[in-house]
Amino acid sequence: MSIPAAPVTVPERVRALADGASLECVWENDYGGLTFRATPDAGAPFFIKCGPRHAESNLRDEAERMTWARRWITVPRVLAQGEDAEHEWLVTAAIDGASAVAPQWEARPELAVRAVGEGLRALHEGLPVTECPWEWSVTSRIENAERRGIRVPERFRTPPPIDRLVVSHADACCPNTLLDADGRWIAHVDLGLMGTADRWADLAVASMSTEWNYGPGWEDALIEAYGLTPDRERLAYYRELWNAT
């Protein structure tokens, strides 16, 4: 997943959804999904996500989760969502901020990493576990992987005891936190798998992703910004589960 380094062909569906707005591709994921910023001549900018159907998660579920989460935290407002036999798309209102891996924040990891850790804590504190209709438990993740033909080693079926159950982001990689101009977290994006899980399931992924985005040495800083001391056993388990599923 990355910011495209070369020009991207705009799908016809995206052009239709843009309705004449200028388009900039701002993100490309590993399975061909694209995210465009659309800027109309008049009116507010918005974003269009479009790509092939994907077995792990879908944009219909993401739209549902974002609509639910907006009752308590800041996430993009859903404007439209649709699908056909092969592709799906999601249109959301823009939030005035930038991804934590935008160039200005890659150059200042000490600010970005802290913001991601603090933002993840706020998400966990803000979303009510008792009202969440979805889960991202170890069992559900293994079942999802097996539906996609992945053989998950038996050792993952006995996770560490849950430290604290929260509504997890479920893809808490650094790019999915938005920062304001001062480097403070303001919102979260990409909630297609959001559901209840141990908080260390998110922390493992978020801290691991610091090396992908900022280089080595920032993993513990993110966890400390969240407000915890690193739990090496849970971090190791949930990182391995992430890679295995």
Protein backbone atom coordinates (compact mmCIF):
# COMPACT_ATOMS: atom_id res chain seq x y z
CA MET A 1 0.00 0.00 0.00
CA SER A 2 1.46 3.34 -0.95
CA ILE A 3 1.04 6.77 -2.45
CA PRO A 4 1.36 6.21 -6.22
CA ALA A 5 4.73 7.27 -7.62
CA ALA A 6 3.55 7.29 -11.26
CA PRO A 7 0.38 8.43 -13.04
CA VAL A 8 -2.62 6.13 -12.58
CA THR A 9 -5.31 5.39 -15.16
CA VAL A 10 -8.63 6.67 -13.86
CA PRO A 11 -11.39 4.03 -14.08
CA GLU A 12 -14.54 5.09 -15.92
CA ARG A 13 -16.61 4.44 -12.81
CA VAL A 14 -14.48 6.94 -10.89
CA ARG A 15 -14.87 9.55 -13.64
CA ALA A 16 -18.63 9.14 -13.48
CA LEU A 17 -18.70 9.45 -9.70
CA ALA A 18 -16.44 12.52 -9.86
CA ASP A 19 -19.01 14.28 -12.08
CA GLY A 20 -16.48 16.66 -13.57
CA ALA A 21 -14.33 17.20 -10.48
CA SER A 22 -10.57 17.09 -10.95
CA LEU A 23 -9.01 13.85 -9.73
CA GLU A 24 -5.77 12.98 -7.97
CA CYS A 25 -4.91 9.38 -7.05
CA VAL A 26 -3.67 9.50 -3.47
CA TRP A 27 -3.46 5.80 -2.54
CA GLU A 28 -3.07 2.37 -4.13
CA ASN A 29 -3.46 -0.86 -2.18
CA ASP A 30 -1.99 -4.31 -2.71
CA TYR A 31 -4.92 -5.78 -4.64
CA GLY A 32 -5.57 -2.99 -7.13
CA GLY A 33 -7.85 -0.71 -5.15
CA LEU A 34 -7.41 3.02 -5.74
CA THR A 35 -8.37 6.10 -3.76
CA PHE A 36 -8.86 9.44 -5.51
CA ARG A 37 -9.28 12.92 -4.13
CA ALA A 38 -11.96 14.71 -6.15
CA THR A 39 -11.95 18.50 -6.20
CA PRO A 40 -14.96 20.15 -7.87
CA ASP A 41 -14.88 23.68 -9.28
CA ALA A 42 -17.43 24.61 -6.65
CA GLY A 43 -18.25 22.80 -3.44
CA ALA A 44 -16.34 20.64 -1.01
CA PRO A 45 -13.75 18.04 -2.03
CA PHE A 46 -14.50 14.34 -1.57
CA PHE A 47 -12.81 10.96 -1.92
CA ILE A 48 -13.62 8.01 -4.16
CA LYS A 49 -12.41 4.49 -3.39
CA CYS A 50 -12.80 1.98 -6.19
CA GLY A 51 -11.41 -1.45 -6.88
CA PRO A 52 -12.02 -5.13 -7.49
CA ARG A 53 -14.06 -7.09 -5.01
CA HIS A 54 -11.84 -8.49 -2.27
CA ALA A 55 -12.52 -11.60 -0.22
CA GLU A 56 -11.17 -10.30 3.10
CA SER A 57 -13.34 -7.19 3.39
CA ASN A 58 -15.61 -5.01 1.29
CA LEU A 59 -16.63 -1.38 0.93
CA ARG A 60 -20.25 -2.08 1.82
CA ASP A 61 -19.10 -3.23 5.26
CA GLU A 62 -16.78 -0.25 5.52
CA ALA A 63 -19.61 2.17 4.78
CA GLU A 64 -21.77 0.52 7.46
CA ARG A 65 -18.99 0.65 10.04
CA MET A 66 -18.12 4.28 9.34
CA THR A 67 -21.73 5.33 9.64
CA TRP A 68 -21.95 3.57 13.01
CA ALA A 69 -18.61 4.90 14.30
CA ARG A 70 -19.43 8.52 13.42
CA ARG A 71 -21.75 8.60 16.41
CA TRP A 72 -18.68 8.69 18.69
CA ILE A 73 -15.47 9.46 16.74
CA THR A 74 -14.38 11.40 13.68
CA VAL A 75 -14.38 9.32 10.50
CA PRO A 76 -15.35 10.25 6.93
CA ARG A 77 -19.04 10.80 6.20
CA VAL A 78 -20.37 8.31 3.64
CA LEU A 79 -21.86 9.97 0.56
CA ALA A 80 -22.42 6.94 -1.67
CA GLN A 81 -21.55 3.27 -1.95
CA GLY A 82 -22.15 0.73 -4.70
CA GLU A 83 -20.94 -2.39 -6.46
CA ASP A 84 -21.33 -4.49 -9.55
CA ALA A 85 -20.36 -8.05 -10.42
CA GLU A 86 -16.61 -7.38 -10.25
CA HIS A 87 -15.96 -3.98 -8.64
CA GLU A 88 -17.07 -1.84 -5.70
CA TRP A 89 -16.81 1.83 -4.81
CA LEU A 90 -17.24 4.20 -1.90
CA VAL A 91 -17.57 7.99 -1.88
CA THR A 92 -16.86 9.93 1.31
CA ALA A 93 -16.65 13.57 2.33
CA ALA A 94 -13.13 14.91 2.79
CA ILE A 95 -11.69 15.66 6.22
CA ASP A 96 -9.27 18.57 6.46
CA GLY A 97 -6.13 16.61 7.26
CA ALA A 98 -3.43 14.37 5.83
CA SER A 99 -2.40 10.76 6.31
CA ALA A 100 0.24 10.15 8.96
CA VAL A 101 2.51 8.91 6.15
CA ALA A 102 2.18 11.99 3.95
CA PRO A 103 5.66 13.29 3.02
CA GLN A 104 5.65 16.04 5.64
CA TRP A 105 5.00 13.46 8.37
CA GLU A 106 7.38 10.81 7.06
CA ALA A 107 10.02 13.50 7.57
CA ARG A 108 8.90 14.04 11.20
CA PRO A 109 8.26 10.56 12.60
CA GLU A 110 8.59 11.74 16.19
CA LEU A 111 5.35 13.69 15.74
CA ALA A 112 3.54 11.22 13.48
CA VAL A 113 4.19 8.16 15.62
CA ARG A 114 2.99 9.91 18.77
CA ALA A 115 -0.15 11.10 17.00
CA VAL A 116 -0.97 7.60 15.74
CA GLY A 117 -0.54 6.12 19.22
CA GLU A 118 -2.67 8.80 20.84
CA GLY A 119 -5.28 8.54 18.11
CA LEU A 120 -5.56 4.78 18.50
CA ARG A 121 -6.08 5.17 22.24
CA ALA A 122 -8.83 7.73 21.59
CA LEU A 123 -10.54 5.35 19.16
CA HIS A 124 -10.44 2.54 21.71
CA GLU A 125 -11.74 4.83 24.45
CA GLY A 126 -14.42 6.40 22.28
CA LEU A 127 -16.20 3.42 20.70
CA PRO A 128 -18.54 1.41 22.96
CA VAL A 129 -17.84 -2.31 23.06
CA THR A 130 -21.33 -3.17 24.26
CA GLU A 131 -22.96 -1.49 21.24
CA CYS A 132 -20.60 -2.81 18.57
CA PRO A 133 -22.30 -5.42 16.33
CA TRP A 134 -19.06 -6.79 14.82
CA GLU A 135 -16.02 -8.63 16.08
CA TRP A 136 -12.42 -8.98 14.98
CA SER A 137 -11.66 -11.83 17.33
CA VAL A 138 -8.97 -14.41 16.73
CA THR A 139 -11.65 -16.95 15.81
CA SER A 140 -13.31 -14.66 13.26
CA ARG A 141 -9.94 -13.76 11.71
CA ILE A 142 -8.97 -17.39 11.32
CA GLU A 143 -12.35 -18.22 9.80
CA ASN A 144 -11.99 -15.31 7.36
CA ALA A 145 -8.54 -16.51 6.34
CA GLU A 146 -9.71 -20.08 5.83
CA ARG A 147 -12.55 -18.92 3.59
CA ARG A 148 -9.84 -17.38 1.43
CA GLY A 149 -7.96 -20.67 1.28
CA ILE A 150 -5.27 -19.82 3.83
CA ARG A 151 -4.11 -22.63 6.10
CA VAL A 152 -3.61 -21.08 9.53
CA PRO A 153 -1.20 -22.97 11.84
CA GLU A 154 -2.84 -24.62 14.82
CA ARG A 155 -0.80 -22.62 17.34
CA PHE A 156 -2.80 -19.47 16.58
CA ARG A 157 -6.00 -21.02 17.92
CA THR A 158 -4.85 -20.48 21.50
CA PRO A 159 -4.26 -16.74 21.88
CA PRO A 160 -3.02 -14.98 25.01
CA PRO A 161 -5.77 -14.02 27.46
CA ILE A 162 -7.51 -10.78 26.47
CA ASP A 163 -5.95 -7.81 28.23
CA ARG A 164 -8.74 -5.35 27.41
CA LEU A 165 -11.58 -5.79 24.95
CA VAL A 166 -12.10 -2.73 22.74
CA VAL A 167 -13.67 -1.85 19.42
CA SER A 168 -10.56 -2.30 17.30
CA HIS A 169 -9.74 -0.47 14.08
CA ALA A 170 -8.61 -3.81 12.57
CA ASP A 171 -6.21 -2.14 10.11
CA ALA A 172 -4.43 0.27 12.42
CA CYS A 173 -1.43 0.81 10.17
CA CYS A 174 -0.06 4.35 10.37
CA PRO A 175 -1.49 5.52 7.01
CA ASN A 176 -5.02 5.13 8.41
CA THR A 177 -4.70 7.94 10.96
CA LEU A 178 -5.22 11.49 9.70
CA LEU A 179 -3.27 14.41 11.20
CA ASP A 180 -3.91 18.14 11.22
CA ALA A 181 -1.38 20.77 10.14
CA ASP A 182 0.24 20.70 13.59
CA GLY A 183 0.74 16.93 13.61
CA ARG A 184 -2.13 16.04 15.93
CA TRP A 185 -4.44 13.15 15.15
CA ILE A 186 -7.91 14.15 13.99
CA ALA A 187 -9.61 11.14 12.38
CA HIS A 188 -9.40 7.51 11.24
CA VAL A 189 -10.04 5.90 7.86
CA ASP A 190 -10.29 2.38 6.35
CA LEU A 191 -12.59 0.73 8.87
CA GLY A 192 -13.74 -2.20 6.74
CA LEU A 193 -12.96 -4.87 9.35
CA MET A 194 -13.60 -2.87 12.53
CA GLY A 195 -14.86 -4.99 15.41
CA THR A 196 -14.24 -6.03 19.00
CA ALA A 197 -10.85 -7.50 19.88
CA ASP A 198 -8.07 -7.27 22.42
CA ARG A 199 -6.46 -3.82 22.16
CA TRP A 200 -3.10 -5.49 21.53
CA ALA A 201 -4.39 -6.76 18.18
CA ASP A 202 -4.42 -3.14 16.99
CA LEU A 203 -1.29 -2.11 18.87
CA ALA A 204 0.71 -4.94 17.33
CA VAL A 205 -0.14 -3.85 13.81
CA ALA A 206 0.16 -0.12 14.43
CA SER A 207 3.58 -0.40 16.05
CA MET A 208 4.82 -2.89 13.46
CA SER A 209 3.81 -0.54 10.67
CA THR A 210 6.07 2.21 12.01
CA GLU A 211 9.07 0.38 10.56
CA TRP A 212 7.41 0.12 7.14
CA ASN A 213 6.63 3.82 7.09
CA TYR A 214 9.32 5.56 9.15
CA GLY A 215 12.15 3.07 9.55
CA PRO A 216 13.35 1.12 12.60
CA GLY A 217 13.22 2.33 16.16
CA TRP A 218 9.69 3.72 16.51
CA GLU A 219 7.65 0.67 17.57
CA ASP A 220 7.86 1.18 21.33
CA ALA A 221 7.38 4.95 20.96
CA LEU A 222 3.92 4.37 19.48
CA ILE A 223 2.90 2.04 22.30
CA GLU A 224 4.21 4.47 24.90
CA ALA A 225 2.25 7.31 23.24
CA TYR A 226 -0.84 5.11 23.57
CA GLY A 227 -0.07 4.96 27.29
CA LEU A 228 1.22 1.43 27.82
CA THR A 229 4.44 -0.49 28.33
CA PRO A 230 5.06 -2.94 25.46
CA ASP A 231 3.65 -6.41 26.13
CA ARG A 232 6.13 -8.55 24.20
CA GLU A 233 4.08 -11.76 24.32
CA ARG A 234 0.89 -10.21 22.95
CA LEU A 235 2.79 -8.12 20.40
CA ALA A 236 4.56 -11.20 19.04
CA TYR A 237 1.37 -13.24 18.86
CA TYR A 238 -0.76 -10.61 17.11
CA ARG A 239 1.99 -9.68 14.66
CA GLU A 240 2.40 -13.29 13.66
CA LEU A 241 -1.39 -13.68 13.37
CA TRP A 242 -1.52 -10.60 11.11
CA ASN A 243 1.14 -12.07 8.83
CA ALA A 244 -0.49 -15.52 8.86
CA THR A 245 -4.01 -14.36 7.95
